[in-house]
C-alpha atoms as a PDB file:
ATOM      1  CA  MET A   1       0.000   0.000   0.000  1.00  0.00           C
ATOM      2  CA  MET A   2       1.451   3.348  -1.040  1.00  0.00           C
ATOM      3  CA  SER A   3       1.743   5.851   1.810  1.00  0.00           C
ATOM      4  CA  LYS A   4       2.928   9.351   2.637  1.00  0.00           C
ATOM      5  CA  ASN A   5       6.166   7.826   3.876  1.00  0.00           C
ATOM      6  CA  SER A   6       6.779   6.021   0.589  1.00  0.00           C
ATOM      7  CA  MET A   7       5.993   9.198  -1.385  1.00  0.00           C
ATOM      8  CA  GLN A   8       8.520  11.059   0.778  1.00  0.00           C
ATOM      9  CA  LYS A   9      11.154   8.375   0.089  1.00  0.00           C
ATOM     10  CA  TYR A  10      10.420   8.632  -3.649  1.00  0.00           C
ATOM     11  CA  LYS A  11      10.895  12.405  -3.571  1.00  0.00           C
ATOM     12  CA  GLU A  12      14.128  12.074  -1.587  1.00  0.00           C
ATOM     13  CA  GLN A  13      15.619   9.602  -4.063  1.00  0.00           C
ATOM     14  CA  LYS A  14      14.498  11.679  -7.042  1.00  0.00           C
ATOM     15  CA  LYS A  15      16.059  14.799  -5.505  1.00  0.00           C
ATOM     16  CA  ALA A  16      19.323  12.957  -4.729  1.00  0.00           C
ATOM     17  CA  ALA A  17      19.517  11.743  -8.339  1.00  0.00           C
ATOM     18  CA  LYS A  18      19.001  15.283  -9.623  1.00  0.00           C
ATOM     19  CA  GLN A  19      21.718  16.627  -7.296  1.00  0.00           C
ATOM     20  CA  ARG A  20      24.099  13.975  -8.667  1.00  0.00           C
ATOM     21  CA  GLY A  21      23.188  14.877 -12.251  1.00  0.00           C
ATOM     22  CA  ILE A  22      21.486  11.535 -12.944  1.00  0.00           C
ATOM     23  CA  ILE A  23      18.410  11.398 -15.172  1.00  0.00           C
ATOM     24  CA  TRP A  24      15.259  10.222 -13.351  1.00  0.00           C
ATOM     25  CA  GLN A  25      12.735   8.316 -15.476  1.00  0.00           C
ATOM     26  CA  PHE A  26      10.415   6.942 -12.797  1.00  0.00           C
ATOM     27  CA  SER A  27       6.846   7.722 -11.970  1.00  0.00           C
ATOM     28  CA  TYR A  28       6.016   7.171  -8.322  1.00  0.00           C
ATOM     29  CA  PRO A  29       3.860   4.044  -8.934  1.00  0.00           C
ATOM     30  CA  VAL A  30       6.547   2.313 -11.036  1.00  0.00           C
ATOM     31  CA  TRP A  31       9.294   3.170  -8.552  1.00  0.00           C
ATOM     32  CA  TYR A  32       7.175   1.881  -5.655  1.00  0.00           C
ATOM     33  CA  ARG A  33       6.248  -1.308  -7.542  1.00  0.00           C
ATOM     34  CA  ILE A  34       9.939  -2.162  -8.114  1.00  0.00           C
ATOM     35  CA  TRP A  35      10.623  -1.808  -4.402  1.00  0.00           C
ATOM     36  CA  GLN A  36       7.569  -3.868  -3.463  1.00  0.00           C
ATOM     37  CA  GLU A  37       8.376  -6.653  -5.932  1.00  0.00           C
ATOM     38  CA  SER A  38      11.906  -6.856  -4.529  1.00  0.00           C
ATOM     39  CA  GLY A  39      10.509  -7.674  -1.105  1.00  0.00           C
ATOM     40  CA  ARG A  40      13.136  -5.355   0.412  1.00  0.00           C
ATOM     41  CA  TRP A  41      11.072  -2.212   1.091  1.00  0.00           C
ATOM     42  CA  ASN A  42      11.491  -2.496   4.870  1.00  0.00           C
ATOM     43  CA  GLU A  43      15.228  -3.082   4.476  1.00  0.00           C
ATOM     44  CA  ARG A  44      15.989   0.078   2.464  1.00  0.00           C
ATOM     45  CA  GLY A  45      18.876   2.244   3.626  1.00  0.00           C
ATOM     46  CA  ARG A  46      22.510   3.211   3.388  1.00  0.00           C
ATOM     47  CA  GLU A  47      23.929   0.844   5.969  1.00  0.00           C
ATOM     48  CA  LYS A  48      26.054  -2.157   4.959  1.00  0.00           C
ATOM     49  CA  ASP A  49      23.308  -4.783   5.183  1.00  0.00           C
ATOM     50  CA  GLN A  50      20.487  -2.601   3.886  1.00  0.00           C
ATOM     51  CA  TYR A  51      19.255  -2.426   0.307  1.00  0.00           C
ATOM     52  CA  VAL A  52      19.514   0.273  -2.362  1.00  0.00           C
ATOM     53  CA  MET A  53      18.219   0.829  -5.863  1.00  0.00           C
ATOM     54  CA  SER A  54      21.342   0.704  -8.013  1.00  0.00           C
ATOM     55  CA  ARG A  55      22.214   1.115 -11.657  1.00  0.00           C
ATOM     56  CA  PRO A  56      24.542  -1.455 -13.254  1.00  0.00           C
ATOM     57  CA  GLY A  57      28.002   0.072 -13.343  1.00  0.00           C
ATOM     58  CA  ASP A  58      26.481   3.351 -12.077  1.00  0.00           C
ATOM     59  CA  LYS A  59      25.688   4.197 -15.695  1.00  0.00           C
ATOM     60  CA  GLY A  60      22.541   5.458 -17.370  1.00  0.00           C
ATOM     61  CA  PRO A  61      19.356   6.881 -15.888  1.00  0.00           C
ATOM     62  CA  TYR A  62      17.258   5.700 -13.006  1.00  0.00           C
ATOM     63  CA  ALA A  63      14.647   3.850 -15.058  1.00  0.00           C
ATOM     64  CA  SER A  64      12.712   0.606 -14.659  1.00  0.00           C
ATOM     65  CA  TRP A  65      14.907  -1.119 -17.261  1.00  0.00           C
ATOM     66  CA  ASN A  66      18.164   0.084 -15.668  1.00  0.00           C
ATOM     67  CA  VAL A  67      17.911  -0.603 -11.942  1.00  0.00           C
ATOM     68  CA  GLU A  68      18.217  -3.484  -9.529  1.00  0.00           C
ATOM     69  CA  ILE A  69      17.738  -3.763  -5.792  1.00  0.00           C
ATOM     70  CA  LYS A  70      20.910  -4.937  -4.066  1.00  0.00           C
ATOM     71  CA  LYS A  71      22.772  -4.674  -0.787  1.00  0.00           C
ATOM     72  CA  HIS A  72      24.434  -1.330  -0.200  1.00  0.00           C
ATOM     73  CA  SER A  73      27.737  -3.083   0.566  1.00  0.00           C
ATOM     74  CA  ASP A  74      27.635  -4.957  -2.764  1.00  0.00           C
ATOM     75  CA  ASN A  75      26.822  -1.772  -4.657  1.00  0.00           C
ATOM     76  CA  THR A  76      29.700   0.080  -2.981  1.00  0.00           C
ATOM     77  CA  ARG A  77      32.157  -2.767  -3.608  1.00  0.00           C
ATOM     78  CA  GLU A  78      31.146  -2.903  -7.280  1.00  0.00           C
ATOM     79  CA  CYS A  79      31.838   0.816  -7.571  1.00  0.00           C
ATOM     80  CA  TRP A  80      35.449   0.381  -6.356  1.00  0.00           C
ATOM     81  CA  VAL A  81      36.463  -2.700  -8.351  1.00  0.00           C
ATOM     82  CA  GLY A  82      39.724  -1.960 -10.150  1.00  0.00           C
ATOM     83  CA  LYS A  83      40.015   1.530  -8.638  1.00  0.00           C
ATOM     84  CA  ARG A  84      42.427   2.905  -6.091  1.00  0.00           C
ATOM     85  CA  HIS A  85      42.755   6.205  -4.270  1.00  0.00           C
ATOM     86  CA  ASN A  86      45.620   8.268  -5.611  1.00  0.00           C
ATOM     87  CA  LEU A  87      48.690   8.895  -3.471  1.00  0.00           C
ATOM     88  CA  ALA A  88      47.610  12.386  -2.385  1.00  0.00           C
ATOM     89  CA  THR A  89      44.210  11.121  -1.253  1.00  0.00           C
ATOM     90  CA  ARG A  90      45.746   8.176   0.609  1.00  0.00           C
ATOM     91  CA  ASP A  91      48.124  10.584   2.359  1.00  0.00           C
ATOM     92  CA  LYS A  92      45.203  12.824   3.414  1.00  0.00           C
ATOM     93  CA  MET A  93      43.274   9.788   4.668  1.00  0.00           C
ATOM     94  CA  SER A  94      46.296   8.631   6.656  1.00  0.00           C
ATOM     95  CA  LYS A  95      46.833  12.056   8.241  1.00  0.00           C
ATOM     96  CA  ALA A  96      43.122  12.297   9.078  1.00  0.00           C
ATOM     97  CA  GLN A  97      43.460   9.164  11.250  1.00  0.00           C
ATOM     98  CA  THR A  98      46.561  10.176  13.197  1.00  0.00           C
ATOM     99  CA  GLY A  99      46.879  11.731  16.634  1.00  0.00           C
ATOM    100  CA  THR A 100      43.648  12.741  18.364  1.00  0.00           C
ATOM    101  CA  ASN A 101      41.587  11.661  15.314  1.00  0.00           C
ATOM    102  CA  ASN A 102      42.626   8.021  15.707  1.00  0.00           C
ATOM    103  CA  ALA A 103      39.879   5.851  17.186  1.00  0.00           C
ATOM    104  CA  MET A 104      42.352   4.396  19.697  1.00  0.00           C
ATOM    105  CA  PHE A 105      43.882   7.757  20.732  1.00  0.00           C
ATOM    106  CA  GLY A 106      44.268   7.818  24.511  1.00  0.00           C
ATOM    107  CA  ARG A 107      42.900   4.289  24.809  1.00  0.00           C
ATOM    108  CA  LYS A 108      44.582   0.984  25.340  1.00  0.00           C
ATOM    109  CA  ALA A 109      43.354  -2.367  24.058  1.00  0.00           C
ATOM    110  CA  SER A 110      42.213  -4.643  26.861  1.00  0.00           C
ATOM    111  CA  LYS A 111      44.425  -7.473  28.039  1.00  0.00           C
ATOM    112  CA  GLU A 112      41.992  -9.941  26.423  1.00  0.00           C
ATOM    113  CA  THR A 113      42.121  -8.098  23.071  1.00  0.00           C
ATOM    114  CA  ARG A 114      45.936  -7.913  23.139  1.00  0.00           C
ATOM    115  CA  LEU A 115      46.073 -11.667  23.803  1.00  0.00           C
ATOM    116  CA  LYS A 116      43.744 -12.355  20.862  1.00  0.00           C
ATOM    117  CA  MET A 117      45.886 -10.180  18.575  1.00  0.00           C
ATOM    118  CA  SER A 118      49.025 -11.940  19.751  1.00  0.00           C
ATOM    119  CA  LEU A 119      47.555 -15.388  19.176  1.00  0.00           C
ATOM    120  CA  ALA A 120      46.383 -14.383  15.713  1.00  0.00           C
ATOM    121  CA  LYS A 121      49.986 -13.695  14.713  1.00  0.00           C
ATOM    122  CA  ILE A 122      51.226 -17.180  15.649  1.00  0.00           C
ATOM    123  CA  GLY A 123      51.561 -19.899  13.034  1.00  0.00           C
ATOM    124  CA  ASN A 124      50.813 -19.596   9.342  1.00  0.00           C
ATOM    125  CA  LYS A 125      50.965 -15.848   8.649  1.00  0.00           C
ATOM    126  CA  ASN A 126      48.756 -16.134   5.577  1.00  0.00           C
ATOM    127  CA  LEU A 127      45.905 -17.646   7.580  1.00  0.00           C
ATOM    128  CA  LEU A 128      46.392 -15.459  10.680  1.00  0.00           C
ATOM    129  CA  GLY A 129      47.122 -18.253  13.101  1.00  0.00           C
ATOM    130  CA  HIS A 130      44.867 -20.898  11.583  1.00  0.00           C
ATOM    131  CA  LYS A 131      46.356 -24.374  11.690  1.00  0.00           C
ATOM    132  CA  HIS A 132      45.170 -27.208   9.471  1.00  0.00           C
ATOM    133  CA  SER A 133      44.111 -30.481  11.049  1.00  0.00           C
ATOM    134  CA  GLN A 134      46.294 -33.531  10.444  1.00  0.00           C
ATOM    135  CA  SER A 135      43.686 -35.029   8.079  1.00  0.00           C
ATOM    136  CA  SER A 136      43.555 -31.788   6.071  1.00  0.00           C
ATOM    137  CA  LEU A 137      47.343 -31.737   5.803  1.00  0.00           C
ATOM    138  CA  GLU A 138      47.339 -35.311   4.537  1.00  0.00           C
ATOM    139  CA  LYS A 139      44.639 -34.565   1.954  1.00  0.00           C
ATOM    140  CA  MET A 140      46.583 -31.525   0.709  1.00  0.00           C
ATOM    141  CA  SER A 141      49.740 -33.599   0.507  1.00  0.00           C
ATOM    142  CA  VAL A 142      48.007 -36.291  -1.573  1.00  0.00           C
ATOM    143  CA  SER A 143      46.539 -33.597  -3.811  1.00  0.00           C
ATOM    144  CA  GLN A 144      49.912 -31.926  -4.347  1.00  0.00           C
ATOM    145  CA  ARG A 145      51.639 -35.221  -5.119  1.00  0.00           C
ATOM    146  CA  ALA A 146      48.909 -36.052  -7.662  1.00  0.00           C
ATOM    147  CA  ARG A 147      49.207 -32.610  -9.223  1.00  0.00           C
ATOM    148  CA  TYR A 148      52.985 -32.276  -9.345  1.00  0.00           C
ATOM    149  CA  GLY A 149      54.112 -35.902  -9.177  1.00  0.00           C
ATOM    150  CA  ASP A 150      55.493 -37.832  -6.224  1.00  0.00           C
ATOM    151  CA  LYS A 151      58.992 -36.449  -5.517  1.00  0.00           C
ATOM    152  CA  SER A 152      59.733 -38.474  -2.402  1.00  0.00           C
END
């Protein structure tokens, strides 16, 4: 059922698209129907596990043929694939997190947290302390010998 709240959300998204210079080709009923058919209306939002209306590759207009409902985190990840901040931006980001701006400034990790961090560094560095069981090691050994030939 369409409501004042849903109309407000429609207007907010339309306004945001306009501010970003993106063409908006939705009527309110079509926009609302897409959200309802997705089954994600009550999970809309900008948090990691909430859902957004996205455009493939962030290209083209907001239109019924050019949108999909997906998790915000997936949409954000897709946006950054193959991209990297330039050196100047990385330097600014680094400086912004130093001194009093650092989340741990003036704080000390608890004894329990320090122990966990220490234990995570022990063992196989690539798996952050994870150790394979004996049966897993044997299976990997058999697999490697089959792949590369028995060199024993």
